[in-house]
Amino acid sequence: MGITLDDSGSQAMIGLNGVVDISSAAEFKMLLLRALNSGKEVRVSLSGATALDVTAVQLLWSAEREATRAGTGLSFTGPAPAEVYVSLCEVDLQQFLVTDS
């Protein structure tokens, strides 16, 4: 499991790897806040994630709302594994999944 942030370019890119759950929630939240505070569009790469628990999905939902409010935007890049895609669909976040990175 790992969560990374690269905000050196024109976008803030967060990479998710493995299972993202309650045990990584504090780190995930901190990196999402750093990305959102950068003022750049935030992209979350889902291709390395194997599962998202409810905590991770809630953080993504909150981050999308905050990015929309700030006018910076948030999107997910894939391909998203089936289990991750289902998690996004459960809260209507699949619409933010883009195929290019």
PDB file of N, CA and C in Angstrom:
ATOM      1  N   MET A   1       0.851  -1.172   0.000  1.00  0.00           N
ATOM      2  CA  MET A   1       0.000   0.000   0.000  1.00  0.00           C
ATOM      3  C   MET A   1       0.886   1.220   0.000  1.00  0.00           C
ATOM      4  N   GLY A   2       0.466   2.222  -0.757  1.00  0.00           N
ATOM      5  CA  GLY A   2       1.186   3.472  -0.772  1.00  0.00           C
ATOM      6  C   GLY A   2       0.366   4.565  -1.418  1.00  0.00           C
ATOM      7  N   ILE A   3       0.574   5.756  -0.933  1.00  0.00           N
ATOM      8  CA  ILE A   3      -0.079   6.933  -1.497  1.00  0.00           C
ATOM      9  C   ILE A   3       1.020   7.944  -1.757  1.00  0.00           C
ATOM     10  N   THR A   4       1.045   8.482  -2.964  1.00  0.00           N
ATOM     11  CA  THR A   4       2.080   9.442  -3.320  1.00  0.00           C
ATOM     12  C   THR A   4       1.439  10.727  -3.825  1.00  0.00           C
ATOM     13  N   LEU A   5       2.189  11.813  -3.725  1.00  0.00           N
ATOM     14  CA  LEU A   5       1.753  13.090  -4.260  1.00  0.00           C
ATOM     15  C   LEU A   5       2.900  13.687  -5.047  1.00  0.00           C
ATOM     16  N   ASP A   6       2.625  14.071  -6.290  1.00  0.00           N
ATOM     17  CA  ASP A   6       3.581  14.800  -7.114  1.00  0.00           C
ATOM     18  C   ASP A   6       2.884  16.075  -7.572  1.00  0.00           C
ATOM     19  N   ASP A   7       3.286  17.186  -6.993  1.00  0.00           N
ATOM     20  CA  ASP A   7       2.682  18.461  -7.373  1.00  0.00           C
ATOM     21  C   ASP A   7       3.695  19.382  -8.036  1.00  0.00           C
ATOM     22  N   SER A   8       4.717  18.785  -8.649  1.00  0.00           N
ATOM     23  CA  SER A   8       5.769  19.570  -9.286  1.00  0.00           C
ATOM     24  C   SER A   8       5.374  20.076 -10.673  1.00  0.00           C
ATOM     25  N   GLY A   9       4.352  19.498 -11.273  1.00  0.00           N
ATOM     26  CA  GLY A   9       3.921  19.905 -12.607  1.00  0.00           C
ATOM     27  C   GLY A   9       2.733  20.841 -12.568  1.00  0.00           C
ATOM     28  N   SER A  10       2.025  20.893 -13.678  1.00  0.00           N
ATOM     29  CA  SER A  10       0.860  21.784 -13.778  1.00  0.00           C
ATOM     30  C   SER A  10      -0.358  21.232 -13.051  1.00  0.00           C
ATOM     31  N   GLN A  11      -0.315  19.949 -12.674  1.00  0.00           N
ATOM     32  CA  GLN A  11      -1.395  19.307 -11.925  1.00  0.00           C
ATOM     33  C   GLN A  11      -0.804  18.687 -10.670  1.00  0.00           C
ATOM     34  N   ALA A  12      -1.632  18.506  -9.678  1.00  0.00           N
ATOM     35  CA  ALA A  12      -1.238  17.763  -8.484  1.00  0.00           C
ATOM     36  C   ALA A  12      -1.722  16.327  -8.683  1.00  0.00           C
ATOM     37  N   MET A  13      -0.785  15.382  -8.771  1.00  0.00           N
ATOM     38  CA  MET A  13      -1.129  13.987  -9.058  1.00  0.00           C
ATOM     39  C   MET A  13      -0.933  13.134  -7.809  1.00  0.00           C
ATOM     40  N   ILE A  14      -2.020  12.506  -7.378  1.00  0.00           N
ATOM     41  CA  ILE A  14      -1.969  11.570  -6.258  1.00  0.00           C
ATOM     42  C   ILE A  14      -2.055  10.167  -6.830  1.00  0.00           C
ATOM     43  N   GLY A  15      -1.157   9.315  -6.418  1.00  0.00           N
ATOM     44  CA  GLY A  15      -1.167   7.918  -6.852  1.00  0.00           C
ATOM     45  C   GLY A  15      -1.576   7.011  -5.707  1.00  0.00           C
ATOM     46  N   LEU A  16      -2.544   6.143  -5.969  1.00  0.00           N
ATOM     47  CA  LEU A  16      -3.003   5.172  -4.973  1.00  0.00           C
ATOM     48  C   LEU A  16      -2.521   3.789  -5.380  1.00  0.00           C
ATOM     49  N   ASN A  17      -1.993   3.058  -4.414  1.00  0.00           N
ATOM     50  CA  ASN A  17      -1.499   1.705  -4.675  1.00  0.00           C
ATOM     51  C   ASN A  17      -1.974   0.768  -3.585  1.00  0.00           C
ATOM     52  N   GLY A  18      -2.453  -0.410  -4.000  1.00  0.00           N
ATOM     53  CA  GLY A  18      -2.914  -1.412  -3.056  1.00  0.00           C
ATOM     54  C   GLY A  18      -4.257  -1.056  -2.460  1.00  0.00           C
ATOM     55  N   VAL A  19      -4.484  -1.532  -1.250  1.00  0.00           N
ATOM     56  CA  VAL A  19      -5.729  -1.280  -0.538  1.00  0.00           C
ATOM     57  C   VAL A  19      -5.608   0.062   0.174  1.00  0.00           C
ATOM     58  N   VAL A  20      -6.566   0.943  -0.068  1.00  0.00           N
ATOM     59  CA  VAL A  20      -6.605   2.237   0.620  1.00  0.00           C
ATOM     60  C   VAL A  20      -7.778   2.166   1.587  1.00  0.00           C
ATOM     61  N   ASP A  21      -7.453   2.151   2.883  1.00  0.00           N
ATOM     62  CA  ASP A  21      -8.486   1.953   3.895  1.00  0.00           C
ATOM     63  C   ASP A  21      -8.228   2.842   5.106  1.00  0.00           C
ATOM     64  N   ILE A  22      -8.903   2.549   6.191  1.00  0.00           N
ATOM     65  CA  ILE A  22      -8.825   3.362   7.404  1.00  0.00           C
ATOM     66  C   ILE A  22      -7.391   3.504   7.907  1.00  0.00           C
ATOM     67  N   SER A  23      -6.569   2.493   7.693  1.00  0.00           N
ATOM     68  CA  SER A  23      -5.195   2.558   8.195  1.00  0.00           C
ATOM     69  C   SER A  23      -4.352   3.604   7.463  1.00  0.00           C
ATOM     70  N   SER A  24      -4.762   3.999   6.278  1.00  0.00           N
ATOM     71  CA  SER A  24      -4.027   5.016   5.530  1.00  0.00           C
ATOM     72  C   SER A  24      -4.819   6.311   5.387  1.00  0.00           C
ATOM     73  N   ALA A  25      -5.936   6.425   6.098  1.00  0.00           N
ATOM     74  CA  ALA A  25      -6.824   7.580   5.948  1.00  0.00           C
ATOM     75  C   ALA A  25      -6.151   8.896   6.320  1.00  0.00           C
ATOM     76  N   ALA A  26      -5.385   8.932   7.397  1.00  0.00           N
ATOM     77  CA  ALA A  26      -4.750  10.187   7.816  1.00  0.00           C
ATOM     78  C   ALA A  26      -3.753  10.662   6.765  1.00  0.00           C
ATOM     79  N   GLU A  27      -2.942   9.746   6.255  1.00  0.00           N
ATOM     80  CA  GLU A  27      -1.979  10.099   5.213  1.00  0.00           C
ATOM     81  C   GLU A  27      -2.694  10.554   3.940  1.00  0.00           C
ATOM     82  N   PHE A  28      -3.734   9.826   3.555  1.00  0.00           N
ATOM     83  CA  PHE A  28      -4.488  10.153   2.352  1.00  0.00           C
ATOM     84  C   PHE A  28      -5.115  11.540   2.482  1.00  0.00           C
ATOM     85  N   LYS A  29      -5.718  11.819   3.633  1.00  0.00           N
ATOM     86  CA  LYS A  29      -6.333  13.116   3.858  1.00  0.00           C
ATOM     87  C   LYS A  29      -5.296  14.231   3.776  1.00  0.00           C
ATOM     88  N   MET A  30      -4.145  14.033   4.392  1.00  0.00           N
ATOM     89  CA  MET A  30      -3.094  15.046   4.379  1.00  0.00           C
ATOM     90  C   MET A  30      -2.641  15.350   2.948  1.00  0.00           C
ATOM     91  N   LEU A  31      -2.457  14.307   2.144  1.00  0.00           N
ATOM     92  CA  LEU A  31      -2.007  14.508   0.766  1.00  0.00           C
ATOM     93  C   LEU A  31      -3.098  15.143  -0.093  1.00  0.00           C
ATOM     94  N   LEU A  32      -4.351  14.763   0.136  1.00  0.00           N
ATOM     95  CA  LEU A  32      -5.454  15.418  -0.583  1.00  0.00           C
ATOM     96  C   LEU A  32      -5.517  16.902  -0.247  1.00  0.00           C
ATOM     97  N   LEU A  33      -5.359  17.240   1.015  1.00  0.00           N
ATOM     98  CA  LEU A  33      -5.383  18.650   1.415  1.00  0.00           C
ATOM     99  C   LEU A  33      -4.222  19.423   0.794  1.00  0.00           C
ATOM    100  N   ARG A  34      -3.034  18.828   0.796  1.00  0.00           N
ATOM    101  CA  ARG A  34      -1.884  19.486   0.151  1.00  0.00           C
ATOM    102  C   ARG A  34      -2.161  19.711  -1.323  1.00  0.00           C
ATOM    103  N   ALA A  35      -2.725  18.707  -1.988  1.00  0.00           N
ATOM    104  CA  ALA A  35      -3.023  18.824  -3.416  1.00  0.00           C
ATOM    105  C   ALA A  35      -4.069  19.906  -3.658  1.00  0.00           C
ATOM    106  N   LEU A  36      -5.123  19.910  -2.864  1.00  0.00           N
ATOM    107  CA  LEU A  36      -6.184  20.900  -3.026  1.00  0.00           C
ATOM    108  C   LEU A  36      -5.670  22.313  -2.741  1.00  0.00           C
ATOM    109  N   ASN A  37      -4.805  22.452  -1.756  1.00  0.00           N
ATOM    110  CA  ASN A  37      -4.257  23.758  -1.402  1.00  0.00           C
ATOM    111  C   ASN A  37      -3.222  24.262  -2.392  1.00  0.00           C
ATOM    112  N   SER A  38      -2.783  23.415  -3.315  1.00  0.00           N
ATOM    113  CA  SER A  38      -1.801  23.833  -4.318  1.00  0.00           C
ATOM    114  C   SER A  38      -2.426  24.774  -5.349  1.00  0.00           C
ATOM    115  N   GLY A  39      -3.759  24.765  -5.442  1.00  0.00           N
ATOM    116  CA  GLY A  39      -4.444  25.596  -6.424  1.00  0.00           C
ATOM    117  C   GLY A  39      -4.430  24.998  -7.823  1.00  0.00           C
ATOM    118  N   LYS A  40      -3.897  23.801  -7.957  1.00  0.00           N
ATOM    119  CA  LYS A  40      -3.821  23.116  -9.248  1.00  0.00           C
ATOM    120  C   LYS A  40      -4.967  22.122  -9.371  1.00  0.00           C
ATOM    121  N   GLU A  41      -5.237  21.715 -10.612  1.00  0.00           N
ATOM    122  CA  GLU A  41      -6.186  20.623 -10.811  1.00  0.00           C
ATOM    123  C   GLU A  41      -5.605  19.386 -10.134  1.00  0.00           C
ATOM    124  N   VAL A  42      -6.460  18.635  -9.478  1.00  0.00           N
ATOM    125  CA  VAL A  42      -6.026  17.431  -8.769  1.00  0.00           C
ATOM    126  C   VAL A  42      -6.438  16.215  -9.583  1.00  0.00           C
ATOM    127  N   ARG A  43      -5.483  15.333  -9.809  1.00  0.00           N
ATOM    128  CA  ARG A  43      -5.759  14.056 -10.471  1.00  0.00           C
ATOM    129  C   ARG A  43      -5.374  12.936  -9.514  1.00  0.00           C
ATOM    130  N   VAL A  44      -6.229  11.948  -9.431  1.00  0.00           N
ATOM    131  CA  VAL A  44      -5.972  10.794  -8.576  1.00  0.00           C
ATOM    132  C   VAL A  44      -5.855   9.573  -9.481  1.00  0.00           C
ATOM    133  N   SER A  45      -4.683   8.966  -9.487  1.00  0.00           N
ATOM    134  CA  SER A  45      -4.454   7.768 -10.291  1.00  0.00           C
ATOM    135  C   SER A  45      -4.943   6.545  -9.528  1.00  0.00           C
ATOM    136  N   LEU A  46      -5.887   5.836 -10.135  1.00  0.00           N
ATOM    137  CA  LEU A  46      -6.500   4.668  -9.502  1.00  0.00           C
ATOM    138  C   LEU A  46      -5.948   3.345 -10.017  1.00  0.00           C
ATOM    139  N   SER A  47      -5.092   3.394 -11.016  1.00  0.00           N
ATOM    140  CA  SER A  47      -4.666   2.154 -11.680  1.00  0.00           C
ATOM    141  C   SER A  47      -3.924   1.195 -10.755  1.00  0.00           C
ATOM    142  N   GLY A  48      -3.260   1.696  -9.707  1.00  0.00           N
ATOM    143  CA  GLY A  48      -2.539   0.822  -8.790  1.00  0.00           C
ATOM    144  C   GLY A  48      -3.341   0.408  -7.574  1.00  0.00           C
ATOM    145  N   ALA A  49      -4.528   0.984  -7.416  1.00  0.00           N
ATOM    146  CA  ALA A  49      -5.360   0.654  -6.253  1.00  0.00           C
ATOM    147  C   ALA A  49      -6.062  -0.678  -6.472  1.00  0.00           C
ATOM    148  N   THR A  50      -6.124  -1.474  -5.423  1.00  0.00           N
ATOM    149  CA  THR A  50      -6.840  -2.748  -5.531  1.00  0.00           C
ATOM    150  C   THR A  50      -8.196  -2.699  -4.842  1.00  0.00           C
ATOM    151  N   ALA A  51      -8.356  -1.787  -3.869  1.00  0.00           N
ATOM    152  CA  ALA A  51      -9.636  -1.638  -3.169  1.00  0.00           C
ATOM    153  C   ALA A  51      -9.643  -0.303  -2.434  1.00  0.00           C
ATOM    154  N   LEU A  52     -10.833   0.273  -2.335  1.00  0.00           N
ATOM    155  CA  LEU A  52     -11.053   1.495  -1.560  1.00  0.00           C
ATOM    156  C   LEU A  52     -12.135   1.197  -0.538  1.00  0.00           C
ATOM    157  N   ASP A  53     -11.852   1.443   0.731  1.00  0.00           N
ATOM    158  CA  ASP A  53     -12.913   1.242   1.715  1.00  0.00           C
ATOM    159  C   ASP A  53     -13.748   2.504   1.819  1.00  0.00           C
ATOM    160  N   VAL A  54     -14.748   2.494   2.673  1.00  0.00           N
ATOM    161  CA  VAL A  54     -15.673   3.609   2.781  1.00  0.00           C
ATOM    162  C   VAL A  54     -14.953   4.890   3.191  1.00  0.00           C
ATOM    163  N   THR A  55     -13.911   4.780   4.003  1.00  0.00           N
ATOM    164  CA  THR A  55     -13.154   5.956   4.421  1.00  0.00           C
ATOM    165  C   THR A  55     -12.487   6.619   3.231  1.00  0.00           C
ATOM    166  N   ALA A  56     -11.849   5.838   2.376  1.00  0.00           N
ATOM    167  CA  ALA A  56     -11.186   6.377   1.188  1.00  0.00           C
ATOM    168  C   ALA A  56     -12.195   7.004   0.235  1.00  0.00           C
ATOM    169  N   VAL A  57     -13.326   6.352   0.060  1.00  0.00           N
ATOM    170  CA  VAL A  57     -14.363   6.884  -0.826  1.00  0.00           C
ATOM    171  C   VAL A  57     -14.908   8.201  -0.275  1.00  0.00           C
ATOM    172  N   GLN A  58     -15.098   8.282   1.031  1.00  0.00           N
ATOM    173  CA  GLN A  58     -15.567   9.525   1.645  1.00  0.00           C
ATOM    174  C   GLN A  58     -14.558  10.653   1.440  1.00  0.00           C
ATOM    175  N   LEU A  59     -13.279  10.349   1.567  1.00  0.00           N
ATOM    176  CA  LEU A  59     -12.248  11.362   1.345  1.00  0.00           C
ATOM    177  C   LEU A  59     -12.259  11.837  -0.104  1.00  0.00           C
ATOM    178  N   LEU A  60     -12.419  10.919  -1.050  1.00  0.00           N
ATOM    179  CA  LEU A  60     -12.492  11.311  -2.461  1.00  0.00           C
ATOM    180  C   LEU A  60     -13.728  12.166  -2.723  1.00  0.00           C
ATOM    181  N   TRP A  61     -14.840  11.785  -2.144  1.00  0.00           N
ATOM    182  CA  TRP A  61     -16.076  12.552  -2.320  1.00  0.00           C
ATOM    183  C   TRP A  61     -15.914  13.969  -1.782  1.00  0.00           C
ATOM    184  N   SER A  62     -15.347  14.084  -0.581  1.00  0.00           N
ATOM    185  CA  SER A  62     -15.120  15.402   0.017  1.00  0.00           C
ATOM    186  C   SER A  62     -14.141  16.224  -0.804  1.00  0.00           C
ATOM    187  N   ALA A  63     -13.086  15.585  -1.294  1.00  0.00           N
ATOM    188  CA  ALA A  63     -12.090  16.290  -2.109  1.00  0.00           C
ATOM    189  C   ALA A  63     -12.705  16.798  -3.405  1.00  0.00           C
ATOM    190  N   GLU A  64     -13.583  16.007  -4.012  1.00  0.00           N
ATOM    191  CA  GLU A  64     -14.231  16.445  -5.255  1.00  0.00           C
ATOM    192  C   GLU A  64     -15.100  17.664  -4.983  1.00  0.00           C
ATOM    193  N   ARG A  65     -15.836  17.646  -3.895  1.00  0.00           N
ATOM    194  CA  ARG A  65     -16.692  18.788  -3.546  1.00  0.00           C
ATOM    195  C   ARG A  65     -15.848  20.038  -3.297  1.00  0.00           C
ATOM    196  N   GLU A  66     -14.744  19.873  -2.583  1.00  0.00           N
ATOM    197  CA  GLU A  66     -13.887  21.018  -2.290  1.00  0.00           C
ATOM    198  C   GLU A  66     -13.223  21.557  -3.554  1.00  0.00           C
ATOM    199  N   ALA A  67     -12.778  20.678  -4.429  1.00  0.00           N
ATOM    200  CA  ALA A  67     -12.168  21.109  -5.688  1.00  0.00           C
ATOM    201  C   ALA A  67     -13.185  21.852  -6.554  1.00  0.00           C
ATOM    202  N   THR A  68     -14.416  21.393  -6.557  1.00  0.00           N
ATOM    203  CA  THR A  68     -15.469  22.076  -7.308  1.00  0.00           C
ATOM    204  C   THR A  68     -15.711  23.467  -6.738  1.00  0.00           C
ATOM    205  N   ARG A  69     -15.780  23.557  -5.423  1.00  0.00           N
ATOM    206  CA  ARG A  69     -15.969  24.863  -4.770  1.00  0.00           C
ATOM    207  C   ARG A  69     -14.826  25.824  -5.096  1.00  0.00           C
ATOM    208  N   ALA A  70     -13.609  25.295  -5.118  1.00  0.00           N
ATOM    209  CA  ALA A  70     -12.428  26.130  -5.365  1.00  0.00           C
ATOM    210  C   ALA A  70     -12.234  26.433  -6.848  1.00  0.00           C
ATOM    211  N   GLY A  71     -12.958  25.701  -7.708  1.00  0.00           N
ATOM    212  CA  GLY A  71     -12.836  25.913  -9.150  1.00  0.00           C
ATOM    213  C   GLY A  71     -11.587  25.315  -9.764  1.00  0.00           C
ATOM    214  N   THR A  72     -10.948  24.388  -9.059  1.00  0.00           N
ATOM    215  CA  THR A  72      -9.717  23.786  -9.573  1.00  0.00           C
ATOM    216  C   THR A  72      -9.965  22.467 -10.284  1.00  0.00           C
ATOM    217  N   GLY A  73     -10.948  21.734  -9.882  1.00  0.00           N
ATOM    218  CA  GLY A  73     -11.273  20.459 -10.514  1.00  0.00           C
ATOM    219  C   GLY A  73     -10.524  19.284  -9.918  1.00  0.00           C
ATOM    220  N   LEU A  74     -11.164  18.151  -9.979  1.00  0.00           N
ATOM    221  CA  LEU A  74     -10.596  16.892  -9.526  1.00  0.00           C
ATOM    222  C   LEU A  74     -11.083  15.814 -10.472  1.00  0.00           C
ATOM    223  N   SER A  75     -10.170  14.945 -10.866  1.00  0.00           N
ATOM    224  CA  SER A  75     -10.549  13.827 -11.726  1.00  0.00           C
ATOM    225  C   SER A  75      -9.724  12.608 -11.334  1.00  0.00           C
ATOM    226  N   PHE A  76     -10.178  11.464 -11.797  1.00  0.00           N
ATOM    227  CA  PHE A  76      -9.512  10.203 -11.530  1.00  0.00           C
ATOM    228  C   PHE A  76      -9.000   9.646 -12.844  1.00  0.00           C
ATOM    229  N   THR A  77      -7.796   9.113 -12.820  1.00  0.00           N
ATOM    230  CA  THR A  77      -7.261   8.475 -14.010  1.00  0.00           C
ATOM    231  C   THR A  77      -7.198   6.977 -13.775  1.00  0.00           C
ATOM    232  N   GLY A  78      -7.288   6.247 -14.824  1.00  0.00           N
ATOM    233  CA  GLY A  78      -7.333   4.792 -14.721  1.00  0.00           C
ATOM    234  C   GLY A  78      -6.338   4.149 -15.636  1.00  0.00           C
ATOM    235  N   PRO A  79      -6.600   2.941 -15.926  1.00  0.00           N
ATOM    236  CA  PRO A  79      -7.868   2.236 -15.712  1.00  0.00           C
ATOM    237  C   PRO A  79      -8.065   1.875 -14.238  1.00  0.00           C
ATOM    238  N   ALA A  80      -9.288   1.986 -13.813  1.00  0.00           N
ATOM    239  CA  ALA A  80      -9.631   1.644 -12.435  1.00  0.00           C
ATOM    240  C   ALA A  80     -10.001   0.165 -12.372  1.00  0.00           C
ATOM    241  N   PRO A  81      -9.410  -0.581 -11.449  1.00  0.00           N
ATOM    242  CA  PRO A  81      -9.811  -1.974 -11.272  1.00  0.00           C
ATOM    243  C   PRO A  81     -11.308  -2.056 -10.971  1.00  0.00           C
ATOM    244  N   ALA A  82     -11.928  -3.164 -11.313  1.00  0.00           N
ATOM    245  CA  ALA A  82     -13.384  -3.327 -11.186  1.00  0.00           C
ATOM    246  C   ALA A  82     -13.893  -3.000  -9.791  1.00  0.00           C
ATOM    247  N   GLU A  83     -13.234  -3.489  -8.753  1.00  0.00           N
ATOM    248  CA  GLU A  83     -13.700  -3.242  -7.385  1.00  0.00           C
ATOM    249  C   GLU A  83     -13.650  -1.748  -7.045  1.00  0.00           C
ATOM    250  N   VAL A  84     -12.618  -1.062  -7.528  1.00  0.00           N
ATOM    251  CA  VAL A  84     -12.482   0.378  -7.293  1.00  0.00           C
ATOM    252  C   VAL A  84     -13.572   1.130  -8.058  1.00  0.00           C
ATOM    253  N   TYR A  85     -13.813   0.716  -9.301  1.00  0.00           N
ATOM    254  CA  TYR A  85     -14.852   1.354 -10.107  1.00  0.00           C
ATOM    255  C   TYR A  85     -16.224   1.223  -9.451  1.00  0.00           C
ATOM    256  N   VAL A  86     -16.521   0.062  -8.921  1.00  0.00           N
ATOM    257  CA  VAL A  86     -17.795  -0.156  -8.229  1.00  0.00           C
ATOM    258  C   VAL A  86     -17.903   0.771  -7.023  1.00  0.00           C
ATOM    259  N   SER A  87     -16.815   0.935  -6.286  1.00  0.00           N
ATOM    260  CA  SER A  87     -16.824   1.838  -5.129  1.00  0.00           C
ATOM    261  C   SER A  87     -17.141   3.266  -5.555  1.00  0.00           C
ATOM    262  N   LEU A  88     -16.580   3.702  -6.675  1.00  0.00           N
ATOM    263  CA  LEU A  88     -16.858   5.047  -7.184  1.00  0.00           C
ATOM    264  C   LEU A  88     -18.317   5.174  -7.625  1.00  0.00           C
ATOM    265  N   CYS A  89     -18.833   4.132  -8.260  1.00  0.00           N
ATOM    266  CA  CYS A  89     -20.225   4.160  -8.724  1.00  0.00           C
ATOM    267  C   CYS A  89     -21.211   4.259  -7.569  1.00  0.00           C
ATOM    268  N   GLU A  90     -20.884   3.658  -6.451  1.00  0.00           N
ATOM    269  CA  GLU A  90     -21.789   3.665  -5.301  1.00  0.00           C
ATOM    270  C   GLU A  90     -22.062   5.080  -4.784  1.00  0.00           C
ATOM    271  N   VAL A  91     -21.146   6.008  -5.053  1.00  0.00           N
ATOM    272  CA  VAL A  91     -21.341   7.395  -4.599  1.00  0.00           C
ATOM    273  C   VAL A  91     -21.350   8.364  -5.778  1.00  0.00           C
ATOM    274  N   ASP A  92     -21.576   7.828  -6.978  1.00  0.00           N
ATOM    275  CA  ASP A  92     -21.711   8.617  -8.199  1.00  0.00           C
ATOM    276  C   ASP A  92     -20.457   9.439  -8.532  1.00  0.00           C
ATOM    277  N   LEU A  93     -19.283   8.887  -8.245  1.00  0.00           N
ATOM    278  CA  LEU A  93     -18.031   9.563  -8.590  1.00  0.00           C
ATOM    279  C   LEU A  93     -17.415   9.038  -9.887  1.00  0.00           C
ATOM    280  N   GLN A  94     -17.991   8.016 -10.491  1.00  0.00           N
ATOM    281  CA  GLN A  94     -17.424   7.438 -11.715  1.00  0.00           C
ATOM    282  C   GLN A  94     -17.389   8.460 -12.844  1.00  0.00           C
ATOM    283  N   GLN A  95     -18.220   9.481 -12.767  1.00  0.00           N
ATOM    284  CA  GLN A  95     -18.257  10.507 -13.811  1.00  0.00           C
ATOM    285  C   GLN A  95     -16.954  11.315 -13.876  1.00  0.00           C
ATOM    286  N   PHE A  96     -16.137  11.246 -12.832  1.00  0.00           N
ATOM    287  CA  PHE A  96     -14.889  11.988 -12.808  1.00  0.00           C
ATOM    288  C   PHE A  96     -13.702  11.150 -13.262  1.00  0.00           C
ATOM    289  N   LEU A  97     -13.964   9.932 -13.723  1.00  0.00           N
ATOM    290  CA  LEU A  97     -12.920   9.045 -14.223  1.00  0.00           C
ATOM    291  C   LEU A  97     -12.629   9.396 -15.666  1.00  0.00           C
ATOM    292  N   VAL A  98     -11.379   9.732 -15.955  1.00  0.00           N
ATOM    293  CA  VAL A  98     -10.949  10.046 -17.309  1.00  0.00           C
ATOM    294  C   VAL A  98      -9.970   8.978 -17.762  1.00  0.00           C
ATOM    295  N   THR A  99      -9.918   8.766 -19.065  1.00  0.00           N
ATOM    296  CA  THR A  99      -9.062   7.685 -19.571  1.00  0.00           C
ATOM    297  C   THR A  99      -7.648   8.160 -19.895  1.00  0.00           C
ATOM    298  N   ASP A 100      -7.460   9.457 -20.106  1.00  0.00           N
ATOM    299  CA  ASP A 100      -6.101   9.934 -20.388  1.00  0.00           C
ATOM    300  C   ASP A 100      -5.448  10.351 -19.084  1.00  0.00           C
ATOM    301  N   SER A 101      -4.110  10.387 -19.081  1.00  0.00           N
ATOM    302  CA  SER A 101      -3.424  10.771 -17.842  1.00  0.00           C
ATOM    303  C   SER A 101      -2.538  11.917 -18.021  1.00  0.00           C
TER     304      SER A 101
END
